[in-house]
Amino acid sequence: MTLQDAHIAFGSQGPELTFPAEVRAFLCAQYDAADVIVEYGSGGSTAYGAAQAGKTLYSVEGDKAWHKAMQAHFDSHPPKADLHLIHADIGETGEWSWPKGNGKWFRYPDYCFGVWQREDLKSPDLVLIDGRFRTGCFFATMTSITRPTRVLVDDFVGREDKYGLMTEFATPTAFHGRMAQFDLEPVTTLPADKLYSLLKAFQGKA
C-alpha cells in the first residue's frame, strides 16, 4: 500500500491525541515531565512530544504508510524535540497496524526489541506501549532498561486476558482510566519456568 493509496494527511499540528480525557491528561503530564521517551505506536502522542524542545523521542511504528505520513509531516513541520521515527517492518498491515498475515513473523520480535539495539538510544525515563505486540514490547522494555523507568500500557483495563502475563512479572502501580502504569526497575534474571510464556508473548499481535 502506498501513501497515496492510504490518503493519510494531517493538519499543521500533526495527528490528534485520541485518548479519553482522563488518559490524555495523565499522558500529557507524563510527557511534559519526561526527558527521553520511547513509544510503540506513532500518532498524536508523537506530535505532542515532538513539539517540546529539549526532549528526545523514539517512536516505533509498524504501518509503513502511516510511518511515511509521519515523516512527511515532520519534514514540513520540523520538530522541536530530537525525534527519531522508526519503521519496524512486520509485513503488510491493516487497520491499527495489524499484520494482515504472518509472512514476516520472524520480524515480530524486532518490533519490540529493535529500538533497544540502536547505538544512538538514550536511556528512557518513560515508555508508552500503544502499538502492536504490547506484551512483547513490555518484556522487551523490562529486560532492556538500565535505570528506573515508568511504563504506560494503553487499553490494559478490560483486556487482562491479553495482557495479564505482564502482571506475573510486575505489579501495576496505578491505573488511569484504561491505561496501566508500571514503575519498573532493571532486571538481570528471569525465571526459567516462564521462558515458554515469554517466547509466546512475542507472537501475540494485540
Protein backbone atom coordinates (compact mmCIF):
# COMPACT_ATOMS: atom_id res chain seq x y z
CA MET A 1 0.00 0.00 0.00
CA THR A 2 1.40 3.39 -0.96
CA LEU A 3 0.96 6.61 0.93
CA GLN A 4 -1.22 7.88 -1.91
CA ASP A 5 -3.43 4.80 -1.58
CA ALA A 6 -3.81 5.42 2.14
CA HIS A 7 -4.81 9.11 1.74
CA ILE A 8 -3.17 9.98 5.03
CA ALA A 9 -2.86 13.69 5.73
CA PHE A 10 -2.55 15.72 8.92
CA GLY A 11 -3.18 19.31 9.87
CA SER A 12 -0.35 21.65 10.79
CA GLN A 13 -0.27 20.28 14.34
CA GLY A 14 0.03 16.67 13.20
CA PRO A 15 -2.21 13.77 14.23
CA GLU A 16 -4.52 14.45 17.15
CA LEU A 17 -4.41 12.80 20.54
CA THR A 18 -7.39 10.44 20.56
CA PHE A 19 -7.19 9.15 24.14
CA PRO A 20 -10.16 9.58 26.50
CA ALA A 21 -9.92 12.75 28.60
CA GLU A 22 -8.56 11.08 31.76
CA VAL A 23 -5.89 9.16 29.86
CA ARG A 24 -4.99 12.18 27.76
CA ALA A 25 -4.49 14.47 30.75
CA PHE A 26 -2.29 11.93 32.52
CA LEU A 27 -0.28 11.09 29.41
CA CYS A 28 0.41 14.73 28.57
CA ALA A 29 1.62 15.36 32.12
CA GLN A 30 3.96 12.37 31.85
CA TYR A 31 5.33 13.55 28.51
CA ASP A 32 5.81 17.04 29.94
CA ALA A 33 7.89 15.62 32.81
CA ALA A 34 9.97 13.14 30.82
CA ASP A 35 13.32 13.82 29.17
CA VAL A 36 13.70 10.71 27.00
CA ILE A 37 10.67 8.82 25.69
CA VAL A 38 10.30 5.55 23.82
CA GLU A 39 6.87 4.92 22.34
CA TYR A 40 5.41 1.99 20.48
CA GLY A 41 2.81 3.32 18.06
CA SER A 42 3.20 6.71 16.36
CA GLY A 43 0.46 9.31 16.34
CA GLY A 44 -0.89 12.10 18.47
CA SER A 45 1.49 11.36 21.33
CA THR A 46 4.40 11.69 18.89
CA ALA A 47 3.22 15.10 17.73
CA TYR A 48 2.71 16.19 21.33
CA GLY A 49 6.19 15.13 22.42
CA ALA A 50 7.87 16.41 19.26
CA ALA A 51 6.58 19.93 19.95
CA GLN A 52 8.66 20.19 23.13
CA ALA A 53 12.25 21.39 22.87
CA GLY A 54 14.87 19.57 24.90
CA LYS A 55 13.22 16.15 24.74
CA THR A 56 14.39 13.05 22.89
CA LEU A 57 11.68 10.82 21.43
CA TYR A 58 11.96 7.43 19.72
CA SER A 59 8.72 6.35 18.04
CA VAL A 60 8.25 2.81 16.68
CA GLU A 61 5.59 2.21 14.00
CA GLY A 62 4.65 -0.94 12.10
CA ASP A 63 2.38 0.60 9.43
CA LYS A 64 4.60 1.74 6.56
CA ALA A 65 2.09 4.19 5.09
CA TRP A 66 1.43 5.78 8.47
CA HIS A 67 5.17 5.99 9.13
CA LYS A 68 5.70 7.77 5.79
CA ALA A 69 2.88 10.17 6.59
CA MET A 70 4.52 10.98 9.91
CA GLN A 71 7.85 11.54 8.16
CA ALA A 72 6.22 13.82 5.59
CA HIS A 73 4.52 15.84 8.31
CA PHE A 74 7.71 16.42 10.28
CA ASP A 75 9.66 17.19 7.10
CA SER A 76 7.20 20.05 6.58
CA HIS A 77 6.89 20.92 10.26
CA PRO A 78 10.30 20.30 11.86
CA PRO A 79 10.03 19.02 15.43
CA LYS A 80 11.44 20.94 18.37
CA ALA A 81 12.39 17.68 20.08
CA ASP A 82 15.12 15.31 18.94
CA LEU A 83 12.72 12.97 17.14
CA HIS A 84 13.54 9.52 15.77
CA LEU A 85 10.78 7.91 13.68
CA ILE A 86 11.39 4.17 13.37
CA HIS A 87 9.61 1.86 10.94
CA ALA A 88 9.53 -1.76 12.12
CA ASP A 89 8.82 -3.94 9.08
CA ILE A 90 6.23 -6.51 10.17
CA GLY A 91 4.81 -7.02 6.69
CA GLU A 92 1.65 -5.64 5.12
CA THR A 93 -0.67 -4.17 7.73
CA GLY A 94 -4.33 -3.28 8.02
CA GLU A 95 -6.14 -1.03 10.49
CA TRP A 96 -4.25 -0.09 13.63
CA SER A 97 -1.05 -1.57 12.18
CA TRP A 98 -2.38 -5.13 12.49
CA PRO A 99 -0.35 -7.54 10.31
CA LYS A 100 -2.52 -8.96 7.52
CA GLY A 101 -0.63 -12.24 7.52
CA ASN A 102 2.29 -13.96 9.16
CA GLY A 103 4.71 -13.74 6.25
CA LYS A 104 7.16 -11.73 8.33
CA TRP A 105 6.53 -13.41 11.68
CA PHE A 106 10.28 -13.67 12.18
CA ARG A 107 10.46 -9.88 12.44
CA TYR A 108 7.84 -9.53 15.16
CA PRO A 109 10.47 -9.55 17.96
CA ASP A 110 12.33 -6.78 16.09
CA TYR A 111 9.29 -4.54 16.53
CA CYS A 112 9.68 -4.98 20.27
CA PHE A 113 13.47 -5.06 20.65
CA GLY A 114 14.74 -3.05 17.66
CA VAL A 115 14.69 0.35 19.33
CA TRP A 116 16.75 -1.01 22.23
CA GLN A 117 19.53 -2.08 19.85
CA ARG A 118 20.12 1.41 18.45
CA GLU A 119 23.56 2.85 19.06
CA ASP A 120 22.04 6.33 19.40
CA LEU A 121 19.49 5.27 22.03
CA LYS A 122 19.47 7.34 25.17
CA SER A 123 18.16 5.56 28.25
CA PRO A 124 14.47 6.50 28.51
CA ASP A 125 12.68 7.54 31.65
CA LEU A 126 9.26 6.94 30.05
CA VAL A 127 7.93 4.24 27.70
CA LEU A 128 4.47 4.31 26.13
CA ILE A 129 3.15 0.99 24.80
CA ASP A 130 0.28 1.80 22.44
CA GLY A 131 1.02 -0.20 19.28
CA ARG A 132 1.15 -3.87 18.32
CA PHE A 133 2.72 -6.75 20.27
CA ARG A 134 2.10 -4.94 23.54
CA THR A 135 3.03 -7.83 25.80
CA GLY A 136 6.22 -8.41 23.82
CA CYS A 137 7.02 -4.70 23.98
CA PHE A 138 6.53 -4.77 27.74
CA PHE A 139 9.02 -7.60 28.18
CA ALA A 140 11.48 -6.07 25.73
CA THR A 141 11.32 -2.91 27.83
CA MET A 142 11.58 -4.76 31.14
CA THR A 143 14.73 -6.61 30.06
CA SER A 144 16.38 -3.66 28.31
CA ILE A 145 16.06 -0.69 30.64
CA THR A 146 19.16 0.41 32.53
CA ARG A 147 17.51 2.69 35.08
CA PRO A 148 14.13 3.00 36.81
CA THR A 149 11.58 3.60 34.07
CA ARG A 150 7.88 4.37 34.01
CA VAL A 151 5.95 2.25 31.52
CA LEU A 152 2.42 3.10 30.38
CA VAL A 153 0.29 0.42 28.69
CA ASP A 154 -2.81 1.76 26.97
CA ASP A 155 -6.01 -0.30 26.73
CA PHE A 156 -4.86 -2.54 29.59
CA VAL A 157 -8.07 -2.33 31.61
CA GLY A 158 -10.64 -4.70 30.15
CA ARG A 159 -8.03 -6.65 28.20
CA GLU A 160 -6.42 -8.51 31.06
CA ASP A 161 -6.98 -11.74 29.13
CA LYS A 162 -4.50 -10.45 26.53
CA TYR A 163 -2.08 -8.55 28.75
CA GLY A 164 -2.32 -10.35 32.08
CA LEU A 165 1.07 -12.03 31.66
CA MET A 166 2.67 -8.68 32.41
CA THR A 167 1.36 -8.81 35.96
CA GLU A 168 3.17 -12.11 36.61
CA PHE A 169 6.42 -10.14 36.40
CA ALA A 170 5.43 -6.67 37.60
CA THR A 171 2.59 -5.12 39.56
CA PRO A 172 0.82 -2.05 38.17
CA THR A 173 1.44 0.94 40.40
CA ALA A 174 -1.64 2.84 39.21
CA PHE A 175 -4.45 2.92 36.69
CA HIS A 176 -5.59 5.98 34.78
CA GLY A 177 -8.82 5.14 33.03
CA ARG A 178 -7.98 2.27 30.70
CA MET A 179 -4.21 2.83 30.99
CA ALA A 180 -1.96 0.86 33.35
CA GLN A 181 1.13 2.39 34.90
CA PHE A 182 4.15 0.27 35.80
CA ASP A 183 7.26 1.60 37.50
CA LEU A 184 9.98 -0.85 36.54
CA GLU A 185 13.48 -1.45 37.82
CA PRO A 186 16.19 -3.07 35.68
CA VAL A 187 16.28 -6.88 35.90
CA THR A 188 19.19 -9.26 35.35
CA THR A 189 17.45 -12.64 35.59
CA LEU A 190 14.18 -14.25 34.50
CA PRO A 191 12.53 -17.38 35.94
CA ALA A 192 13.31 -20.41 33.79
CA ASP A 193 9.80 -21.83 34.15
CA LYS A 194 8.38 -18.72 32.42
CA LEU A 195 10.54 -18.98 29.30
CA TYR A 196 7.83 -20.56 27.13
CA SER A 197 5.27 -17.91 28.11
CA LEU A 198 7.78 -15.18 27.37
CA LEU A 199 8.58 -16.56 23.94
CA LYS A 200 4.87 -16.81 23.09
CA ALA A 201 4.41 -13.20 24.16
CA PHE A 202 6.36 -12.03 21.12
CA GLN A 203 3.88 -13.74 18.81
CA GLY A 204 0.81 -12.02 20.23
CA LYS A 205 -0.19 -9.17 17.92
CA ALA A 206 -2.58 -7.46 20.34
